[in-house]
Amino acid sequence: MDMNANDGIAANREYKDRLFTFIFGKEENRPYLLQLYNALNGTSYTDPSELEITTLQDVIYIRQKNDISFLLDSELSLYEQQSSYNPNMPLRGLMYFSALYRQFLSRQGTDLYSSSLVKIPSPRYVVFYNGLRELPDVSKLRLSDAFEIPNESGEFEWTATVYNVNAGRNSAIMESCVALAQYADFIQWVRENSETMPAKDAVDAAVRQAIAQNYLNGFFKKHREEVVDVSLTEFNEEEFVRNRLKEGEAIGEARGVAKGVAKGVVQGEARLGKLVDLLLKQGLIDLAQLVAVDAQEREKQYQRFGIN
């Protein structure tokens, strides 16, 4: 039984899946998600029906939905794909898991005030990174790094494990999960094509190559239009970051990108800098990037924060 209830979290339903979520989060592709889980955990589950999808539909998204959460063998896993480095993932994960656990306990009819210990699924938070910034194959981000007063006691910690899934990285995992390897190949093809082609042509050529090689057992052929659509959106966001890197306006982090645009791209618009600062202080880094390139969203946020 899927757990997709409304838990009182404000919703923005004008989102669409990222390609990663489109591939691994679709009902028809549960075998790919199970394959990915086995590759990460060294397990050998064979029945995709054992996966219980728990992804919340009412979490705030800006434009794209990039998470998959599920239950398997008393482990609650959250998988997120990120194409830009974000040191705030542990805090985001903590907030998301809080909502997932609240939903889980509600469905179980659990009484937290009883004298019996309430058992909950073990959490596993994984970030699949395929951005332009150089990262090791595996790294860990810790919530304690964000504490205003450093605390190394370990009494409270939340961790995000980051896997670099760019083509050529984490070979053991890629060999165990063909779907992930083929996803990484496709992203790499788009990037390589974009060096000599317009964005639309770069994506189209990569899709044709994936179809010719029967990647993901015909998935690219069956969902060609959707793949092109979501890939173009992701590519445009990535191209924005790449250009800022080339111009020296940023060092690869979302904070640098947003501030670089505020200073160097939208000349004379001092209120954009004010808006970006406000968003960054609230940890809304994706939104800070978006307002820097989307005039309509920028005006919307100006009104939201009363910036004239």
Protein backbone atom coordinates (compact mmCIF):
# COMPACT_ATOMS: atom_id res chain seq x y z
CA MET A 1 0.00 0.00 0.00
CA ASP A 2 1.45 3.34 -1.06
CA MET A 3 1.64 6.10 1.53
CA ASN A 4 0.75 9.33 -0.24
CA ALA A 5 -1.39 11.11 2.30
CA ASN A 6 -1.53 14.83 3.00
CA ASP A 7 0.29 15.56 6.22
CA GLY A 8 -0.41 19.25 6.39
CA ILE A 9 2.59 20.24 4.30
CA ALA A 10 1.92 23.08 1.88
CA ALA A 11 1.87 21.87 -1.70
CA ASN A 12 3.00 23.17 -5.04
CA ARG A 13 1.53 20.77 -7.57
CA GLU A 14 3.08 22.58 -10.54
CA TYR A 15 6.09 20.30 -10.47
CA LYS A 16 7.34 17.52 -12.69
CA ASP A 17 9.71 14.68 -12.04
CA ARG A 18 13.39 14.95 -12.73
CA LEU A 19 14.69 12.28 -15.10
CA PHE A 20 16.16 10.29 -12.21
CA THR A 21 12.79 10.18 -10.44
CA PHE A 22 10.99 9.56 -13.72
CA ILE A 23 13.14 6.47 -14.25
CA PHE A 24 13.41 5.03 -10.75
CA GLY A 25 10.17 6.31 -9.23
CA LYS A 26 7.62 5.17 -11.81
CA GLU A 27 5.44 2.25 -10.79
CA GLU A 28 6.39 0.31 -13.91
CA ASN A 29 10.07 0.66 -13.04
CA ARG A 30 10.07 -0.83 -9.55
CA PRO A 31 12.60 -3.46 -10.72
CA TYR A 32 15.07 -0.62 -11.41
CA LEU A 33 14.55 0.83 -7.93
CA LEU A 34 15.04 -2.60 -6.37
CA GLN A 35 18.18 -3.09 -8.46
CA LEU A 36 19.49 0.25 -7.20
CA TYR A 37 18.72 -0.65 -3.58
CA ASN A 38 20.52 -3.99 -3.95
CA ALA A 39 23.56 -2.29 -5.49
CA LEU A 40 23.87 0.16 -2.61
CA ASN A 41 23.24 -2.32 0.17
CA GLY A 42 24.84 -5.52 -1.13
CA THR A 43 21.49 -7.31 -0.91
CA SER A 44 19.78 -9.62 -3.39
CA TYR A 45 16.04 -8.93 -3.19
CA THR A 46 14.18 -10.19 -6.24
CA ASP A 47 10.53 -9.25 -5.68
CA PRO A 48 9.77 -5.59 -6.58
CA SER A 49 6.36 -5.87 -4.93
CA GLU A 50 8.16 -5.88 -1.57
CA LEU A 51 8.88 -2.19 -2.11
CA GLU A 52 6.31 0.03 -0.43
CA ILE A 53 6.48 3.49 -1.97
CA THR A 54 6.22 6.20 0.70
CA THR A 55 7.02 9.34 -1.31
CA LEU A 56 5.11 12.35 -0.02
CA GLN A 57 3.15 14.16 -2.71
CA ASP A 58 2.57 17.30 -0.68
CA VAL A 59 6.09 18.51 -0.05
CA ILE A 60 6.99 21.94 -1.44
CA TYR A 61 8.79 21.73 -4.75
CA ILE A 62 9.89 24.60 -6.93
CA ARG A 63 9.68 23.09 -10.39
CA GLN A 64 10.95 19.57 -10.23
CA LYS A 65 10.43 16.63 -7.97
CA ASN A 66 13.67 14.82 -7.26
CA ASP A 67 12.99 12.36 -4.46
CA ILE A 68 11.89 8.76 -4.03
CA SER A 69 11.15 7.28 -0.62
CA PHE A 70 10.17 3.72 0.13
CA LEU A 71 9.97 1.01 2.77
CA LEU A 72 11.73 -2.32 2.41
CA ASP A 73 12.43 -4.83 5.18
CA SER A 74 11.85 -2.31 8.00
CA GLU A 75 14.18 0.26 6.43
CA LEU A 76 12.82 3.63 5.35
CA SER A 77 14.92 4.95 2.48
CA LEU A 78 14.92 8.37 0.88
CA TYR A 79 16.75 8.76 -2.42
CA GLU A 80 17.34 12.24 -3.87
CA GLN A 81 19.09 13.27 -7.05
CA GLN A 82 20.97 16.58 -7.10
CA SER A 83 22.82 18.25 -9.96
CA SER A 84 24.18 21.04 -7.76
CA TYR A 85 26.12 20.71 -4.53
CA ASN A 86 23.98 21.49 -1.49
CA PRO A 87 25.48 21.27 2.02
CA ASN A 88 21.98 21.61 3.54
CA MET A 89 20.84 18.14 2.54
CA PRO A 90 21.02 16.71 6.11
CA LEU A 91 18.62 19.39 7.36
CA ARG A 92 16.30 18.86 4.40
CA GLY A 93 16.42 15.12 4.99
CA LEU A 94 15.66 15.50 8.69
CA MET A 95 12.58 17.58 7.90
CA TYR A 96 11.42 15.17 5.22
CA PHE A 97 11.89 12.10 7.42
CA SER A 98 9.97 13.81 10.19
CA ALA A 99 6.99 14.05 7.85
CA LEU A 100 7.46 10.46 6.67
CA TYR A 101 7.57 9.14 10.23
CA ARG A 102 4.53 11.19 11.19
CA GLN A 103 2.68 9.64 8.26
CA PHE A 104 3.90 6.15 9.15
CA LEU A 105 2.83 6.43 12.80
CA SER A 106 -0.53 7.84 11.81
CA ARG A 107 -1.21 4.90 9.53
CA GLN A 108 -0.13 2.47 12.24
CA GLY A 109 -2.42 4.13 14.78
CA THR A 110 0.54 4.38 17.15
CA ASP A 111 0.22 5.94 20.60
CA LEU A 112 3.45 7.81 21.38
CA TYR A 113 2.30 8.33 24.97
CA SER A 114 2.13 4.62 25.82
CA SER A 115 4.60 2.94 28.14
CA SER A 116 5.78 0.63 25.34
CA LEU A 117 8.69 1.50 23.08
CA VAL A 118 7.44 2.44 19.63
CA LYS A 119 9.50 0.80 16.91
CA ILE A 120 10.09 2.69 13.66
CA PRO A 121 11.80 1.74 10.38
CA SER A 122 15.52 2.47 10.26
CA PRO A 123 16.28 5.58 8.16
CA ARG A 124 18.59 5.63 5.15
CA TYR A 125 19.15 8.94 3.37
CA VAL A 126 21.03 8.84 0.05
CA VAL A 127 21.83 11.66 -2.36
CA PHE A 128 22.80 10.83 -5.94
CA TYR A 129 24.95 13.67 -7.20
CA ASN A 130 25.74 14.24 -10.88
CA GLY A 131 26.68 17.90 -11.00
CA LEU A 132 29.71 19.74 -12.36
CA ARG A 133 31.56 20.20 -9.10
CA GLU A 134 34.21 17.55 -8.44
CA LEU A 135 33.22 15.28 -5.54
CA PRO A 136 34.61 11.92 -4.37
CA ASP A 137 32.77 8.70 -5.17
CA VAL A 138 31.19 8.69 -1.70
CA SER A 139 31.00 11.45 0.89
CA LYS A 140 28.92 12.23 3.96
CA LEU A 141 27.19 15.44 4.95
CA ARG A 142 26.34 15.84 8.63
CA LEU A 143 23.74 17.97 10.33
CA SER A 144 26.19 18.83 13.11
CA ASP A 145 28.27 20.82 10.62
CA ALA A 146 25.42 23.35 10.58
CA PHE A 147 25.20 23.82 14.35
CA GLU A 148 25.83 27.42 15.38
CA ILE A 149 27.76 26.12 18.39
CA PRO A 150 30.01 23.21 17.38
CA ASN A 151 29.07 19.99 19.12
CA GLU A 152 31.11 16.86 18.61
CA SER A 153 29.36 14.79 21.28
CA GLY A 154 27.37 12.90 18.67
CA GLU A 155 24.28 13.14 20.85
CA PHE A 156 22.28 14.36 17.90
CA GLU A 157 23.24 13.68 14.31
CA TRP A 158 21.63 13.25 10.92
CA THR A 159 23.61 12.15 7.90
CA ALA A 160 23.21 12.30 4.14
CA THR A 161 25.38 9.88 2.17
CA VAL A 162 26.30 11.37 -1.20
CA TYR A 163 27.16 9.11 -4.14
CA ASN A 164 28.78 10.64 -7.21
CA VAL A 165 26.89 9.06 -10.11
CA ASN A 166 28.54 10.86 -12.98
CA ALA A 167 29.70 8.55 -15.77
CA GLY A 168 32.89 6.75 -14.79
CA ARG A 169 32.36 7.05 -11.03
CA ASN A 170 31.38 4.37 -8.47
CA SER A 171 32.08 1.56 -10.94
CA ALA A 172 31.08 -1.23 -8.54
CA ILE A 173 27.63 0.25 -8.01
CA MET A 174 27.22 0.97 -11.72
CA GLU A 175 28.10 -2.63 -12.58
CA SER A 176 25.52 -3.89 -10.09
CA CYS A 177 22.82 -1.46 -11.25
CA VAL A 178 22.70 -1.31 -15.04
CA ALA A 179 19.81 1.16 -14.91
CA LEU A 180 21.92 3.67 -12.96
CA ALA A 181 24.87 3.21 -15.33
CA GLN A 182 22.67 3.82 -18.36
CA TYR A 183 21.13 6.88 -16.75
CA ALA A 184 24.66 8.21 -16.12
CA ASP A 185 25.64 7.50 -19.75
CA PHE A 186 22.62 9.41 -21.03
CA ILE A 187 23.43 12.48 -18.89
CA GLN A 188 27.02 12.36 -20.12
CA TRP A 189 25.89 12.16 -23.76
CA VAL A 190 23.73 15.23 -23.33
CA ARG A 191 26.64 17.16 -21.84
CA GLU A 192 29.04 16.08 -24.58
CA ASN A 193 26.53 16.89 -27.31
CA SER A 194 25.88 20.31 -25.81
CA GLU A 195 29.47 21.31 -26.53
CA THR A 196 28.65 21.47 -30.25
CA MET A 197 24.83 21.51 -30.42
CA PRO A 198 21.91 23.63 -29.18
CA ALA A 199 20.23 22.20 -26.08
CA LYS A 200 17.24 20.67 -27.89
CA ASP A 201 19.46 18.96 -30.47
CA ALA A 202 21.84 17.74 -27.75
CA VAL A 203 19.00 16.05 -25.86
CA ASP A 204 17.38 14.66 -29.02
CA ALA A 205 20.67 13.11 -30.14
CA ALA A 206 21.22 11.52 -26.73
CA VAL A 207 17.68 10.11 -26.73
CA ARG A 208 18.20 8.64 -30.21
CA GLN A 209 21.43 7.02 -29.03
CA ALA A 210 19.70 5.57 -25.97
CA ILE A 211 16.90 4.19 -28.16
CA ALA A 212 19.38 2.71 -30.64
CA GLN A 213 21.16 0.89 -27.80
CA ASN A 214 17.84 -0.15 -26.21
CA TYR A 215 18.73 1.52 -22.93
CA LEU A 216 16.41 0.70 -20.03
CA ASN A 217 14.64 -1.90 -22.16
CA GLY A 218 12.85 0.54 -24.41
CA PHE A 219 12.07 3.15 -21.76
CA PHE A 220 13.54 5.99 -23.82
CA LYS A 221 11.49 5.01 -26.87
CA LYS A 222 8.27 4.59 -24.90
CA HIS A 223 8.63 7.89 -23.02
CA ARG A 224 10.57 9.88 -25.60
CA GLU A 225 8.58 13.12 -25.30
CA GLU A 226 8.63 13.14 -21.51
CA VAL A 227 12.35 12.35 -21.39
CA VAL A 228 13.13 15.21 -23.78
CA ASP A 229 10.95 17.59 -21.76
CA VAL A 230 12.45 16.87 -18.34
CA SER A 231 15.98 16.61 -19.73
CA LEU A 232 15.74 20.02 -21.38
CA THR A 233 14.59 21.61 -18.13
CA GLU A 234 17.47 20.02 -16.22
CA PHE A 235 19.96 20.89 -18.94
CA ASN A 236 18.92 24.54 -18.94
CA GLU A 237 19.45 24.73 -15.18
CA GLU A 238 22.84 23.06 -15.51
CA GLU A 239 23.86 25.33 -18.39
CA PHE A 240 23.09 28.33 -16.20
CA VAL A 241 25.46 27.02 -13.54
CA ARG A 242 28.12 26.20 -16.12
CA ASN A 243 28.05 29.69 -17.58
CA ARG A 244 28.40 31.30 -14.18
CA LEU A 245 31.35 29.05 -13.44
CA LYS A 246 33.03 30.03 -16.68
CA GLU A 247 32.51 33.70 -15.98
CA GLY A 248 34.02 33.45 -12.52
CA GLU A 249 30.80 34.65 -10.89
CA ALA A 250 30.51 31.47 -8.84
CA ILE A 251 32.58 28.59 -7.50
CA GLY A 252 30.00 25.89 -8.06
CA GLU A 253 27.90 26.25 -4.95
CA ALA A 254 24.30 27.40 -5.19
CA ARG A 255 25.04 30.34 -2.92
CA GLY A 256 27.81 31.52 -5.21
CA VAL A 257 25.67 31.03 -8.30
CA ALA A 258 22.75 32.99 -6.94
CA LYS A 259 24.84 35.85 -5.62
CA GLY A 260 26.91 35.93 -8.79
CA VAL A 261 23.80 36.37 -10.89
CA ALA A 262 22.48 39.03 -8.55
CA LYS A 263 25.70 41.02 -8.96
CA GLY A 264 26.69 40.34 -12.53
CA VAL A 265 23.65 39.40 -14.60
CA VAL A 266 20.76 41.53 -13.44
CA GLN A 267 22.55 44.84 -13.30
CA GLY A 268 21.05 47.62 -11.23
CA GLU A 269 18.38 45.47 -9.61
CA ALA A 270 19.42 45.84 -5.99
CA ARG A 271 16.25 44.24 -4.72
CA LEU A 272 17.24 40.93 -6.33
CA GLY A 273 20.26 40.82 -4.07
CA LYS A 274 18.01 41.46 -1.09
CA LEU A 275 15.65 38.69 -2.18
CA VAL A 276 18.49 36.22 -2.73
CA ASP A 277 19.92 36.96 0.72
CA LEU A 278 16.51 36.37 2.32
CA LEU A 279 16.05 33.07 0.52
CA LEU A 280 19.54 31.85 1.37
CA LYS A 281 19.06 32.70 5.05
CA GLN A 282 15.97 30.47 5.00
CA GLY A 283 17.89 27.66 3.31
CA LEU A 284 15.90 28.01 0.07
CA ILE A 285 18.90 27.63 -2.19
CA ASP A 286 17.05 26.08 -5.14
CA LEU A 287 14.56 28.92 -5.06
CA ALA A 288 17.39 31.47 -4.89
CA GLN A 289 18.78 30.00 -8.10
CA LEU A 290 15.37 30.04 -9.73
CA VAL A 291 14.55 33.70 -9.03
CA ALA A 292 17.88 34.68 -10.53
CA VAL A 293 16.82 33.39 -13.97
CA ASP A 294 13.01 33.38 -13.88
CA ALA A 295 11.48 36.86 -13.98
CA GLN A 296 7.96 35.60 -13.27
CA GLU A 297 9.01 33.67 -10.17
CA ARG A 298 11.14 36.64 -9.11
CA GLU A 299 8.15 38.98 -9.13
CA LYS A 300 6.11 36.41 -7.24
CA GLN A 301 8.74 36.23 -4.49
CA TYR A 302 9.10 40.03 -4.39
CA GLN A 303 5.40 40.20 -3.51
CA ARG A 304 5.70 37.33 -1.04
CA PHE A 305 8.45 39.09 0.92
CA GLY A 306 7.14 42.61 0.41
CA ILE A 307 10.22 43.78 -1.50
CA ASN A 308 9.44 46.90 -3.51
